[in-house]
Each structure stands twice: as C-alpha cells, then as structure tokens.
Amino acid sequence: MDESDERRADLVSRLEVIEAQALATRAQAYEGVHDELARRLEAAPGSTGR
C-alpha cells in the first residue's frame, strides 16, 4: 500500500467515524475535514491558490 492509498484509507475511516456522530457534531467534523483538504490542495505543487 503506497502513501496515497494509506491517506485514502485514513480519510474513509475518519468519515465513517464522523457519520456515526450526531448531526451537529457531524457538521463541525465535516467542516474540519473540508478545511484540512482545502489546505492540502492549496499547498500542493502546481496549486494556483485563490
């Protein structure tokens, strides 16, 4: 399993945990996931930023 596969598996696990939570908690958790993924995209090589 390469690094990309490990990240994907970690994300899926994290999303499964989030889905088991109450709605308000889920919303906050998804916001955190969104922020983290946005930071990764902006930091990626070739990113133009916004």
C-alpha atoms as a PDB file:
ATOM      1  CA  MET A   1       0.000   0.000   0.000  1.00  0.00           C
ATOM      2  CA  ASP A   2       1.522   3.329  -1.020  1.00  0.00           C
ATOM      3  CA  GLU A   3       1.158   6.674   0.762  1.00  0.00           C
ATOM      4  CA  SER A   4      -1.822   7.707  -1.371  1.00  0.00           C
ATOM      5  CA  ASP A   5      -3.688   4.506  -0.528  1.00  0.00           C
ATOM      6  CA  GLU A   6      -2.939   4.995   3.171  1.00  0.00           C
ATOM      7  CA  ARG A   7      -4.269   8.565   3.086  1.00  0.00           C
ATOM      8  CA  ARG A   8      -7.404   7.403   1.306  1.00  0.00           C
ATOM      9  CA  ALA A   9      -7.955   4.629   3.881  1.00  0.00           C
ATOM     10  CA  ASP A  10      -7.402   7.117   6.724  1.00  0.00           C
ATOM     11  CA  LEU A  11      -9.929   9.515   5.199  1.00  0.00           C
ATOM     12  CA  VAL A  12     -12.521   6.762   4.749  1.00  0.00           C
ATOM     13  CA  SER A  13     -12.035   5.691   8.370  1.00  0.00           C
ATOM     14  CA  ARG A  14     -12.365   9.269   9.534  1.00  0.00           C
ATOM     15  CA  LEU A  15     -15.563   9.746   7.512  1.00  0.00           C
ATOM     16  CA  GLU A  16     -17.036   6.556   8.968  1.00  0.00           C
ATOM     17  CA  VAL A  17     -16.414   7.874  12.489  1.00  0.00           C
ATOM     18  CA  ILE A  18     -17.979  11.224  11.565  1.00  0.00           C
ATOM     19  CA  GLU A  19     -21.079   9.547  10.104  1.00  0.00           C
ATOM     20  CA  ALA A  20     -21.723   7.785  13.418  1.00  0.00           C
ATOM     21  CA  GLN A  21     -21.966  11.100  15.277  1.00  0.00           C
ATOM     22  CA  ALA A  22     -24.954  13.323  15.990  1.00  0.00           C
ATOM     23  CA  LEU A  23     -25.882  15.808  13.274  1.00  0.00           C
ATOM     24  CA  ALA A  24     -24.439  18.942  14.912  1.00  0.00           C
ATOM     25  CA  THR A  25     -21.188  17.160  15.712  1.00  0.00           C
ATOM     26  CA  ARG A  26     -21.048  15.750  12.183  1.00  0.00           C
ATOM     27  CA  ALA A  27     -21.401  19.214  10.696  1.00  0.00           C
ATOM     28  CA  GLN A  28     -18.451  20.507  12.718  1.00  0.00           C
ATOM     29  CA  ALA A  29     -16.364  17.462  11.869  1.00  0.00           C
ATOM     30  CA  TYR A  30     -17.085  17.787   8.144  1.00  0.00           C
ATOM     31  CA  GLU A  31     -16.117  21.444   8.324  1.00  0.00           C
ATOM     32  CA  GLY A  32     -12.775  20.371   9.785  1.00  0.00           C
ATOM     33  CA  VAL A  33     -12.285  17.802   7.010  1.00  0.00           C
ATOM     34  CA  HIS A  34     -13.116  20.443   4.411  1.00  0.00           C
ATOM     35  CA  ASP A  35     -10.615  22.907   5.890  1.00  0.00           C
ATOM     36  CA  GLU A  36      -7.883  20.277   6.037  1.00  0.00           C
ATOM     37  CA  LEU A  37      -8.443  19.141   2.435  1.00  0.00           C
ATOM     38  CA  ALA A  38      -8.525  22.758   1.224  1.00  0.00           C
ATOM     39  CA  ARG A  39      -5.164  23.428   2.917  1.00  0.00           C
ATOM     40  CA  ARG A  40      -3.685  20.314   1.289  1.00  0.00           C
ATOM     41  CA  LEU A  41      -4.901  21.378  -2.139  1.00  0.00           C
ATOM     42  CA  GLU A  42      -3.559  24.906  -1.738  1.00  0.00           C
ATOM     43  CA  ALA A  43      -0.190  23.530  -0.614  1.00  0.00           C
ATOM     44  CA  ALA A  44       0.037  21.028  -3.479  1.00  0.00           C
ATOM     45  CA  PRO A  45       2.699  21.569  -6.121  1.00  0.00           C
ATOM     46  CA  GLY A  46       1.267  23.476  -9.056  1.00  0.00           C
ATOM     47  CA  SER A  47      -1.519  24.972  -6.992  1.00  0.00           C
ATOM     48  CA  THR A  48      -2.518  28.409  -8.188  1.00  0.00           C
ATOM     49  CA  GLY A  49      -4.145  29.349  -4.882  1.00  0.00           C
ATOM     50  CA  ARG A  50      -7.163  31.610  -4.942  1.00  0.00           C
END
